[in-house]
Amino acid sequence: MTKKIVDERIAFYQSAVSKLRNGRFDVEFPTEPPDEVGVLGWELSKLAETLERHFDETRKLQLIADQVSGGLFLDEVLERIFTTFRSVIPYNRIGVGLLSDDKQNLTLYWARSDAEKMSLLPGYSSPMQGSSLQTIIDGGQPRILNDLESYLIEHPESQSTRMALYEGIHSSFTCPLIAHGKPVGVIFFSSFAKNIYEHTHQEIFLKLAVQLSLLIEKSRLYQELYEINQELLEAKRMLFDQATYDELTGLYNRRAILDQLQIMLSRFKRERFPLSLAIIDIDFFKKINDGYGHQVGDKVLKTIADCLNRGVRDYNRIGRYGGEEFLIVLDGEDAEAVEIIAERLRLAVAEETLDIGGHQISLTISIGVAIGTKAVELNAIQFIAVADHALYDAKQKGRNRVEVRRIE
């Protein structure tokens, strides 16, 4: 081979090495003919493969480091590892077990597998004392098992190994998770194939374990803060409900329905739309309460509240005004149709009966309605007083009826 051809081949290799240096790993190094220059090409191609693998490992580890610093929850990161790390680490299953606070038990926190059905599921727990996992955590070094069938023969008491084999797992790589010098758990990489793991995998496993260990500590804090926040939100919701809704009927309580009336009155004065108010009273409620007891009285209140709530639209405002009285605020078209709505509610309640120990109780209501025109200036007290006078008329005229007063 002439010196010119050799020089050309070497010049080509120099150009390819320059591309490697700039992070381009898709270069090809001719290995033919198999002379000294060809051998150099073969070595350079292997170097390119190694550099590409290390670059991929570093990039993915950096991604996890970014996620740790970014505060993502552990589950999210583990899902990403399972879907992206196959080019770096061979596996068909990944599992993460976390130590209990007293370090006495290890519980499988997360697992994902290519198997159609998993045997070892999150929540599976085993004691640490005397287990091989205790040795791994105490020593801080990973363990390779490349033939789980042989391992089970030697350790027939290992239930987890038996379950892994049932799932199709035949080799595993177990790495301790240590955060700030304290053990937090282990990560399991497993494969359907035997003899899949080599000691050359340990470096990348250990780097990954360091990142995951830090993430676990951080995610535990996040989880605690998240749970505390959820408890605070729930407490806030409960306080809001207590301040807004009547505990027995589920309708607005007195203060809340009066607030709704005041809001609608403010809009009424600005926009001049129709506004009506209905006060509803349960007929002979005291007689029912005294004759059958407060439990039956509560049942009557709940039954009528449900009936009224079903009879008005979602955007209408209905609340328990006090005792056996209810208040409904209607605006717009419903305000103009208030007499029809009130009569429909009266009839709906009249069709309700309660079975109390075989005795049927009939229920009726009286309704007083106040209708405000667009031009009227009035406050909440005045509006309620007008409806209350109408309710008084309904009672005086025999109850179980609707009476209306218009505010001109």
Protein backbone atom coordinates (compact mmCIF):
# COMPACT_ATOMS: atom_id res chain seq x y z
CA MET A 1 0.00 0.00 0.00
CA THR A 2 1.44 3.38 -0.99
CA LYS A 3 2.34 6.06 1.52
CA LYS A 4 -0.23 8.33 -0.11
CA ILE A 5 -3.11 5.90 0.63
CA VAL A 6 -1.91 5.43 4.21
CA ASP A 7 -1.71 9.19 4.66
CA GLU A 8 -5.23 9.58 3.30
CA ARG A 9 -6.57 6.96 5.71
CA ILE A 10 -4.84 8.61 8.67
CA ALA A 11 -6.13 12.02 7.57
CA PHE A 12 -9.65 10.54 7.49
CA TYR A 13 -9.19 9.18 11.02
CA GLN A 14 -7.97 12.57 12.23
CA SER A 15 -11.13 14.19 10.83
CA ALA A 16 -13.31 11.53 12.49
CA VAL A 17 -11.54 11.96 15.85
CA SER A 18 -12.19 15.71 15.59
CA LYS A 19 -15.91 14.95 15.20
CA LEU A 20 -15.75 12.70 18.28
CA ARG A 21 -14.18 15.50 20.25
CA ASN A 22 -17.12 17.73 19.29
CA GLY A 23 -19.67 15.17 20.50
CA ARG A 24 -20.52 13.52 17.19
CA PHE A 25 -20.44 9.76 17.74
CA ASP A 26 -22.03 8.59 14.50
CA VAL A 27 -18.69 8.50 12.65
CA GLU A 28 -17.33 5.34 11.00
CA PHE A 29 -13.74 4.15 11.11
CA PRO A 30 -12.79 1.83 8.23
CA THR A 31 -11.09 -1.32 9.53
CA GLU A 32 -10.08 -2.75 6.16
CA PRO A 33 -7.55 -3.78 5.14
CA PRO A 34 -6.60 -5.34 8.52
CA ASP A 35 -3.15 -3.79 8.69
CA GLU A 36 -1.78 -1.55 11.44
CA VAL A 37 -3.94 1.34 10.23
CA GLY A 38 -6.98 -0.98 10.08
CA VAL A 39 -6.34 -2.08 13.69
CA LEU A 40 -6.17 1.60 14.64
CA GLY A 41 -9.55 2.10 12.95
CA TRP A 42 -11.03 -0.81 14.91
CA GLU A 43 -9.74 0.62 18.22
CA LEU A 44 -11.11 4.06 17.33
CA SER A 45 -14.54 2.60 16.51
CA LYS A 46 -14.62 0.89 19.93
CA LEU A 47 -13.56 4.17 21.53
CA ALA A 48 -16.45 5.92 19.77
CA GLU A 49 -18.90 3.33 21.12
CA THR A 50 -17.53 3.71 24.65
CA LEU A 51 -17.64 7.51 24.49
CA GLU A 52 -21.19 7.46 23.17
CA ARG A 53 -22.28 5.12 25.98
CA HIS A 54 -20.61 7.26 28.65
CA PHE A 55 -22.08 10.40 27.11
CA ASP A 56 -25.56 8.84 27.18
CA GLU A 57 -25.09 7.74 30.79
CA THR A 58 -23.89 11.19 31.83
CA ARG A 59 -26.72 12.94 30.01
CA LYS A 60 -29.37 10.76 31.62
CA LEU A 61 -27.81 11.04 35.06
CA GLN A 62 -27.73 14.80 34.62
CA LEU A 63 -31.41 14.68 33.72
CA ILE A 64 -32.15 12.93 37.00
CA ALA A 65 -29.94 15.42 38.87
CA ASP A 66 -31.95 18.24 37.30
CA GLN A 67 -35.18 16.57 38.35
CA VAL A 68 -33.89 16.16 41.91
CA SER A 69 -33.00 19.85 42.11
CA GLY A 70 -36.28 20.71 40.41
CA GLY A 71 -38.24 18.89 43.09
CA LEU A 72 -40.21 16.36 41.04
CA PHE A 73 -41.89 13.57 42.96
CA LEU A 74 -40.15 10.21 43.06
CA ASP A 75 -42.84 8.40 41.07
CA GLU A 76 -42.38 10.74 38.11
CA VAL A 77 -38.62 10.22 38.01
CA LEU A 78 -38.91 6.44 38.32
CA GLU A 79 -41.37 6.35 35.43
CA ARG A 80 -38.92 8.34 33.31
CA ILE A 81 -36.03 6.07 34.27
CA PHE A 82 -38.01 2.98 33.29
CA THR A 83 -38.81 4.37 29.85
CA THR A 84 -35.41 5.96 29.04
CA PHE A 85 -32.57 4.00 30.66
CA ARG A 86 -32.69 0.78 28.65
CA SER A 87 -29.82 1.95 26.45
CA VAL A 88 -27.69 2.32 29.60
CA ILE A 89 -28.83 -0.54 31.84
CA PRO A 90 -30.45 -3.85 30.83
CA TYR A 91 -33.71 -4.56 32.69
CA ASN A 92 -37.27 -5.76 32.33
CA ARG A 93 -38.37 -4.62 35.75
CA ILE A 94 -37.44 -1.88 38.21
CA GLY A 95 -38.54 -1.78 41.84
CA VAL A 96 -37.80 0.56 44.73
CA GLY A 97 -38.10 -0.56 48.34
CA LEU A 98 -38.04 1.95 51.20
CA LEU A 99 -37.03 1.34 54.79
CA SER A 100 -39.47 2.04 57.60
CA ASP A 101 -38.59 4.81 60.01
CA ASP A 102 -37.24 2.28 62.53
CA LYS A 103 -35.25 0.48 59.73
CA GLN A 104 -36.86 -2.83 60.71
CA ASN A 105 -38.89 -3.43 57.54
CA LEU A 106 -38.50 -2.85 53.82
CA THR A 107 -41.65 -2.09 51.82
CA LEU A 108 -41.88 -2.08 48.04
CA TYR A 109 -42.82 1.51 47.25
CA TRP A 110 -42.86 1.46 43.42
CA ALA A 111 -42.49 -1.18 40.72
CA ARG A 112 -42.93 -1.48 36.98
CA SER A 113 -42.39 -4.53 34.81
CA ASP A 114 -42.60 -5.72 31.21
CA ALA A 115 -44.36 -8.84 32.51
CA GLU A 116 -48.05 -9.21 31.67
CA LYS A 117 -48.80 -9.72 35.35
CA MET A 118 -46.67 -8.65 38.30
CA SER A 119 -46.33 -10.79 41.43
CA LEU A 120 -44.27 -8.42 43.57
CA LEU A 121 -46.54 -5.41 43.94
CA PRO A 122 -46.12 -2.11 45.80
CA GLY A 123 -46.99 -2.62 49.44
CA TYR A 124 -45.17 -5.96 49.73
CA SER A 125 -43.15 -5.81 52.95
CA SER A 126 -40.54 -8.00 54.59
CA PRO A 127 -38.47 -7.79 57.79
CA MET A 128 -34.87 -6.68 57.46
CA GLN A 129 -33.39 -8.62 60.36
CA GLY A 130 -31.39 -11.56 59.10
CA SER A 131 -32.20 -10.87 55.44
CA SER A 132 -29.68 -10.62 52.60
CA LEU A 133 -30.94 -7.09 51.95
CA GLN A 134 -29.71 -6.09 55.41
CA THR A 135 -26.23 -7.20 54.35
CA ILE A 136 -26.45 -5.10 51.18
CA ILE A 137 -27.53 -1.99 53.09
CA ASP A 138 -24.98 -2.46 55.87
CA GLY A 139 -22.15 -2.99 53.37
CA GLY A 140 -23.28 -0.21 51.06
CA GLN A 141 -22.39 -2.31 48.01
CA PRO A 142 -24.61 -3.66 45.21
CA ARG A 143 -25.33 -7.34 44.69
CA ILE A 144 -25.59 -9.27 41.44
CA LEU A 145 -27.67 -12.44 41.17
CA ASN A 146 -27.45 -13.83 37.65
CA ASP A 147 -29.38 -17.06 38.28
CA LEU A 148 -32.36 -16.74 40.62
CA GLU A 149 -33.32 -20.40 40.17
CA SER A 150 -29.99 -21.49 41.66
CA TYR A 151 -30.28 -18.84 44.36
CA LEU A 152 -33.74 -20.12 45.39
CA ILE A 153 -32.37 -23.68 45.69
CA GLU A 154 -29.72 -22.35 48.08
CA HIS A 155 -32.21 -20.06 49.89
CA PRO A 156 -35.61 -21.80 49.77
CA GLU A 157 -36.94 -19.45 52.49
CA SER A 158 -36.76 -16.43 50.13
CA GLN A 159 -40.39 -15.70 49.28
CA SER A 160 -39.50 -12.63 47.22
CA THR A 161 -37.20 -14.71 45.00
CA ARG A 162 -39.97 -17.24 44.48
CA MET A 163 -42.38 -14.46 43.47
CA ALA A 164 -39.81 -12.90 41.12
CA LEU A 165 -39.29 -16.22 39.35
CA TYR A 166 -43.06 -16.59 38.99
CA GLU A 167 -43.03 -13.23 37.22
CA GLY A 168 -40.33 -14.47 34.83
CA ILE A 169 -37.34 -12.75 36.44
CA HIS A 170 -34.06 -14.73 36.28
CA SER A 171 -31.37 -12.20 37.19
CA SER A 172 -31.23 -9.11 39.35
CA PHE A 173 -29.03 -6.24 40.38
CA THR A 174 -29.77 -4.80 43.82
CA CYS A 175 -28.25 -1.47 44.83
CA PRO A 176 -28.50 0.25 48.24
CA LEU A 177 -29.91 3.75 48.42
CA ILE A 178 -27.90 5.92 50.80
CA ALA A 179 -28.71 9.60 51.37
CA HIS A 180 -26.37 11.77 53.43
CA GLY A 181 -24.80 8.66 54.93
CA LYS A 182 -28.15 7.17 55.99
CA PRO A 183 -29.76 4.15 54.29
CA VAL A 184 -33.22 4.85 52.87
CA GLY A 185 -33.90 1.69 50.86
CA VAL A 186 -32.82 -0.30 47.80
CA ILE A 187 -33.44 -0.24 44.06
CA PHE A 188 -33.88 -3.49 42.14
CA PHE A 189 -33.09 -3.88 38.46
CA SER A 190 -34.25 -7.25 37.12
CA SER A 191 -34.15 -9.10 33.82
CA PHE A 192 -36.00 -12.02 32.27
CA ALA A 193 -32.63 -13.37 31.04
CA LYS A 194 -29.97 -15.16 33.07
CA ASN A 195 -26.39 -13.88 33.42
CA ILE A 196 -27.35 -10.41 32.24
CA TYR A 197 -25.50 -8.28 34.79
CA GLU A 198 -21.78 -7.68 34.95
CA HIS A 199 -19.58 -5.84 37.41
CA THR A 200 -19.02 -3.21 34.72
CA HIS A 201 -22.60 -2.08 35.37
CA GLN A 202 -21.83 -1.17 38.98
CA GLU A 203 -20.47 2.32 38.31
CA ILE A 204 -23.57 3.56 36.51
CA PHE A 205 -25.83 1.78 39.05
CA LEU A 206 -24.08 3.49 41.96
CA LYS A 207 -24.25 6.92 40.30
CA LEU A 208 -27.94 6.45 39.66
CA ALA A 209 -28.50 5.23 43.23
CA VAL A 210 -26.88 8.38 44.64
CA GLN A 211 -29.27 10.60 42.69
CA LEU A 212 -32.31 8.52 43.63
CA SER A 213 -31.32 8.46 47.29
CA LEU A 214 -31.24 12.25 47.39
CA LEU A 215 -34.53 12.40 45.52
CA ILE A 216 -36.19 10.01 47.98
CA GLU A 217 -35.22 12.20 50.91
CA LYS A 218 -36.45 15.27 49.08
CA SER A 219 -39.65 13.67 47.84
CA ARG A 220 -40.48 12.46 51.35
CA LEU A 221 -40.30 16.07 52.52
CA TYR A 222 -42.39 17.17 49.54
CA GLN A 223 -44.90 14.43 50.29
CA GLU A 224 -45.18 15.51 53.91
CA LEU A 225 -45.64 19.14 52.85
CA TYR A 226 -48.17 18.10 50.23
CA GLU A 227 -50.17 16.08 52.75
CA ILE A 228 -50.07 18.93 55.25
CA ASN A 229 -51.24 21.30 52.53
CA GLN A 230 -54.08 18.94 51.61
CA GLU A 231 -55.11 18.73 55.26
CA LEU A 232 -55.10 22.53 55.48
CA LEU A 233 -57.17 22.80 52.30
CA GLU A 234 -59.62 20.24 53.65
CA ALA A 235 -59.82 22.10 56.96
CA LYS A 236 -60.39 25.34 55.05
CA ARG A 237 -63.13 23.67 52.99
CA MET A 238 -64.79 22.33 56.13
CA LEU A 239 -64.66 25.75 57.79
CA PHE A 240 -66.15 27.29 54.64
CA ASP A 241 -68.91 24.68 54.61
CA GLN A 242 -69.62 25.23 58.29
CA ALA A 243 -69.77 28.98 57.73
CA THR A 244 -71.88 28.69 54.56
CA TYR A 245 -74.12 25.62 54.68
CA ASP A 246 -76.70 24.36 57.12
CA GLU A 247 -75.48 21.08 58.58
CA LEU A 248 -78.89 19.36 58.58
CA THR A 249 -80.32 20.38 55.19
CA GLY A 250 -77.19 21.12 53.16
CA LEU A 251 -78.74 24.43 52.03
CA TYR A 252 -77.25 27.86 52.64
CA ASN A 253 -77.40 28.75 56.33
CA ARG A 254 -79.05 31.95 57.58
CA ARG A 255 -76.00 34.18 57.24
CA ALA A 256 -75.10 32.84 53.79
CA ILE A 257 -78.59 33.21 52.30
CA LEU A 258 -78.81 36.76 53.68
CA ASP A 259 -75.43 37.49 52.10
CA GLN A 260 -76.75 36.16 48.80
CA LEU A 261 -79.82 38.39 49.12
CA GLN A 262 -77.62 41.42 49.78
CA ILE A 263 -75.48 40.65 46.72
CA MET A 264 -78.57 40.35 44.53
CA LEU A 265 -80.02 43.56 45.92
CA SER A 266 -76.81 45.41 45.04
CA ARG A 267 -77.05 44.12 41.47
CA PHE A 268 -80.78 44.89 41.44
CA LYS A 269 -80.05 48.56 42.21
CA ARG A 270 -77.30 48.78 39.58
CA GLU A 271 -78.82 46.81 36.72
CA ARG A 272 -82.55 47.12 37.42
CA PHE A 273 -83.52 43.51 36.71
CA PRO A 274 -86.54 41.82 38.37
CA LEU A 275 -85.96 40.40 41.86
CA SER A 276 -88.27 38.28 44.00
CA LEU A 277 -88.10 36.70 47.42
CA ALA A 278 -90.03 33.77 48.85
CA ILE A 279 -90.26 32.83 52.53
CA ILE A 280 -91.45 29.27 53.18
CA ASP A 281 -92.76 27.96 56.48
CA ILE A 282 -93.57 24.32 57.32
CA ASP A 283 -97.18 24.07 58.44
CA PHE A 284 -97.77 22.79 62.00
CA PHE A 285 -94.07 21.96 62.42
CA LYS A 286 -94.15 22.54 66.20
CA LYS A 287 -96.98 20.03 66.50
CA ILE A 288 -94.94 17.43 64.57
CA ASN A 289 -91.84 18.17 66.65
CA ASP A 290 -93.69 17.94 69.95
CA GLY A 291 -95.71 14.89 68.98
CA TYR A 292 -93.03 12.75 67.34
CA GLY A 293 -89.77 14.12 68.71
CA HIS A 294 -86.87 16.10 67.34
CA GLN A 295 -85.50 13.22 65.25
CA VAL A 296 -88.70 13.10 63.23
CA GLY A 297 -88.68 16.90 63.10
CA ASP A 298 -85.19 16.82 61.62
CA LYS A 299 -86.33 14.25 59.07
CA VAL A 300 -89.21 16.53 58.06
CA LEU A 301 -86.83 19.46 57.65
CA LYS A 302 -84.46 17.39 55.52
CA THR A 303 -87.29 15.97 53.37
CA ILE A 304 -88.78 19.38 52.62
CA ALA A 305 -85.35 20.96 52.02
CA ASP A 306 -84.58 18.26 49.45
CA CYS A 307 -87.94 18.77 47.80
CA LEU A 308 -87.46 22.55 47.58
CA ASN A 309 -83.91 22.19 46.30
CA ARG A 310 -85.09 19.88 43.51
CA GLY A 311 -87.77 22.37 42.53
CA VAL A 312 -85.50 25.36 41.84
CA ARG A 313 -82.70 25.85 39.34
CA ASP A 314 -79.06 25.44 40.29
CA TYR A 315 -78.38 29.17 40.11
CA ASN A 316 -81.32 30.11 42.36
CA ARG A 317 -80.39 30.85 45.94
CA ILE A 318 -82.12 28.78 48.61
CA GLY A 319 -81.27 28.61 52.30
CA ARG A 320 -82.57 27.72 55.72
CA TYR A 321 -83.64 31.04 57.19
CA GLY A 322 -84.18 29.72 60.69
CA GLY A 323 -86.06 26.94 62.49
CA GLU A 324 -88.66 25.64 60.01
CA GLU A 325 -88.38 28.59 57.60
CA PHE A 326 -86.61 28.70 54.24
CA LEU A 327 -85.69 31.63 52.01
CA ILE A 328 -85.44 31.61 48.20
CA VAL A 329 -84.00 34.50 46.17
CA LEU A 330 -84.94 34.61 42.48
CA ASP A 331 -83.83 37.03 39.77
CA GLY A 332 -84.42 37.58 36.07
CA GLU A 333 -87.09 35.44 34.39
CA ASP A 334 -87.52 33.29 37.51
CA ALA A 335 -88.33 36.43 39.52
CA GLU A 336 -91.15 37.26 37.12
CA ALA A 337 -92.40 33.65 37.26
CA VAL A 338 -92.10 33.43 41.05
CA GLU A 339 -95.81 32.80 41.62
CA ILE A 340 -95.72 29.77 39.31
CA ILE A 341 -92.50 28.49 40.93
CA ALA A 342 -93.89 28.96 44.45
CA GLU A 343 -97.11 27.12 43.60
CA ARG A 344 -95.11 24.27 42.04
CA LEU A 345 -93.03 23.97 45.22
CA ARG A 346 -96.15 23.96 47.38
CA LEU A 347 -97.70 21.14 45.37
CA ALA A 348 -94.47 19.13 45.36
CA VAL A 349 -94.28 19.23 49.16
CA ALA A 350 -97.96 18.38 49.49
CA GLU A 351 -97.29 15.15 47.62
CA GLU A 352 -94.63 14.15 50.17
CA THR A 353 -95.52 11.84 53.07
CA LEU A 354 -93.36 10.40 55.82
CA ASP A 355 -93.81 6.90 57.22
CA ILE A 356 -93.21 7.09 60.98
CA GLY A 357 -93.63 3.66 62.53
CA GLY A 358 -96.40 2.78 60.12
CA HIS A 359 -98.12 6.15 60.56
CA GLN A 360 -98.20 8.42 57.50
CA ILE A 361 -97.46 12.10 58.10
CA SER A 362 -98.67 14.55 55.46
CA LEU A 363 -96.56 17.64 54.89
CA THR A 364 -97.58 21.09 53.69
CA ILE A 365 -95.97 24.51 53.48
CA SER A 366 -97.10 28.11 53.38
CA ILE A 367 -95.26 30.58 51.14
CA GLY A 368 -95.06 34.35 51.23
CA VAL A 369 -93.71 36.05 48.11
CA ALA A 370 -92.37 39.58 47.65
CA ILE A 371 -91.92 40.82 44.06
CA GLY A 372 -89.77 43.88 43.46
CA THR A 373 -90.13 46.02 40.36
CA LYS A 374 -87.15 47.46 38.55
CA ALA A 375 -87.72 50.96 39.92
CA VAL A 376 -88.04 50.18 43.64
CA GLU A 377 -85.36 51.22 46.13
CA LEU A 378 -85.34 48.87 49.13
CA ASN A 379 -82.96 47.11 51.52
CA ALA A 380 -82.81 43.49 52.68
CA ILE A 381 -84.79 44.08 55.88
CA GLN A 382 -87.59 45.79 53.97
CA PHE A 383 -87.65 43.10 51.29
CA ILE A 384 -87.86 40.29 53.86
CA ALA A 385 -90.54 42.19 55.81
CA VAL A 386 -92.75 42.36 52.72
CA ALA A 387 -92.37 38.60 52.09
CA ASP A 388 -93.00 37.93 55.78
CA HIS A 389 -96.28 39.86 55.66
CA ALA A 390 -97.32 37.77 52.67
CA LEU A 391 -96.44 34.61 54.61
CA TYR A 392 -98.57 35.83 57.53
CA ASP A 393 -101.49 36.26 55.14
CA ALA A 394 -101.01 32.68 53.86
CA LYS A 395 -101.17 31.31 57.40
CA GLN A 396 -104.19 33.40 58.30
CA LYS A 397 -106.03 32.15 55.22
CA GLY A 398 -105.65 28.50 56.22
CA ARG A 399 -102.04 27.57 55.40
CA ASN A 400 -100.88 25.33 52.53
CA ARG A 401 -101.12 28.26 50.11
CA VAL A 402 -99.08 30.96 48.36
CA GLU A 403 -99.65 34.68 48.98
CA VAL A 404 -97.97 37.42 46.96
CA ARG A 405 -97.22 41.07 47.63
CA ARG A 406 -95.83 43.36 44.95
CA ILE A 407 -93.56 46.23 45.89
CA GLU A 408 -94.56 49.14 43.67
